[in-house]
Protein backbone atom coordinates (compact mmCIF):
# COMPACT_ATOMS: atom_id res chain seq x y z
CA MET A 1 27.44 -20.14 -38.44
CA SER A 2 28.06 -22.85 -35.66
CA GLN A 3 32.10 -23.62 -34.52
CA PRO A 4 33.47 -26.99 -35.48
CA PRO A 5 34.10 -28.90 -31.80
CA ILE A 6 36.84 -29.83 -30.41
CA ASP A 7 36.38 -33.48 -29.40
CA THR A 8 38.82 -36.22 -27.74
CA ALA A 9 36.22 -38.22 -28.94
CA LEU A 10 35.52 -38.16 -32.88
CA THR A 11 36.40 -40.80 -34.42
CA TRP A 12 39.25 -39.89 -36.69
CA ARG A 13 40.25 -42.40 -40.07
CA LYS A 14 42.62 -42.57 -42.27
CA SER A 15 43.02 -43.39 -46.27
CA SER A 16 43.68 -47.20 -47.20
CA HIS A 17 45.75 -46.39 -49.45
CA THR A 18 47.83 -44.07 -46.77
CA GLN A 19 51.67 -45.29 -47.02
CA ALA A 20 53.85 -47.02 -44.39
CA ASN A 21 55.97 -43.51 -43.94
CA GLY A 22 52.06 -42.27 -42.94
CA GLN A 23 52.63 -39.17 -44.30
CA CYS A 24 48.63 -38.93 -45.04
CA VAL A 25 45.99 -36.85 -43.48
CA GLU A 26 42.97 -38.41 -41.17
CA LEU A 27 38.93 -37.48 -41.24
CA ALA A 28 35.96 -37.48 -39.08
CA ARG A 29 33.13 -36.28 -39.57
CA THR A 30 29.91 -34.85 -37.95
CA PRO A 31 26.61 -33.59 -38.52
CA GLU A 32 27.47 -30.24 -38.88
CA PHE A 33 31.34 -30.79 -40.56
CA CYS A 34 34.06 -32.97 -42.51
CA LEU A 35 37.04 -32.02 -40.31
CA VAL A 36 40.56 -32.93 -41.43
CA ARG A 37 44.20 -32.87 -39.87
CA ASP A 38 47.17 -34.08 -40.72
CA SER A 39 48.03 -38.02 -39.59
CA LYS A 40 51.31 -36.50 -37.42
CA ASP A 41 50.80 -33.89 -35.87
CA PRO A 42 46.81 -35.09 -34.00
CA ASP A 43 46.97 -32.05 -31.63
CA GLY A 44 47.74 -29.41 -34.40
CA PRO A 45 45.82 -27.39 -36.44
CA ARG A 46 42.33 -28.49 -38.41
CA LEU A 47 40.81 -27.46 -41.13
CA ALA A 48 36.62 -27.63 -41.02
CA LEU A 49 35.20 -27.74 -44.31
CA THR A 50 31.02 -28.15 -45.11
CA PRO A 51 29.91 -31.48 -45.85
CA ARG A 52 29.19 -28.96 -49.57
CA ALA A 53 33.34 -28.27 -49.60
CA TRP A 54 34.65 -31.76 -49.15
CA SER A 55 32.05 -32.85 -51.96
CA GLY A 56 34.03 -29.86 -53.82
CA VAL A 57 37.45 -30.95 -52.62
CA LEU A 58 37.32 -34.86 -53.29
CA THR A 59 35.74 -34.17 -57.05
CA GLY A 60 38.49 -31.24 -57.85
CA ILE A 61 41.01 -34.35 -56.70
CA LYS A 62 39.08 -37.25 -58.41
CA THR A 63 39.01 -35.56 -61.34
CA GLY A 64 42.78 -33.99 -61.33
CA ALA A 65 41.59 -30.58 -60.93
CA HIS A 66 44.84 -30.11 -58.00
CA ASP A 67 48.42 -32.43 -59.48
CA LEU A 68 51.24 -30.65 -59.22
CA PRO A 69 52.49 -29.44 -62.76
């Protein structure tokens, strides 16, 4: 399995629903990974998910599976 890139040339995107306080995550895509980071800590840790795993996360978010009680 290949490793996710550590590349400053990645294009990071924020959700169009980002609040003014900047509390959000950013996403960058490569052919093999969907990278996720905290927008307030761009040099901090990143999650590297396969496109299939990212799709599962999005499905869970959209269906409310990750909502707090």
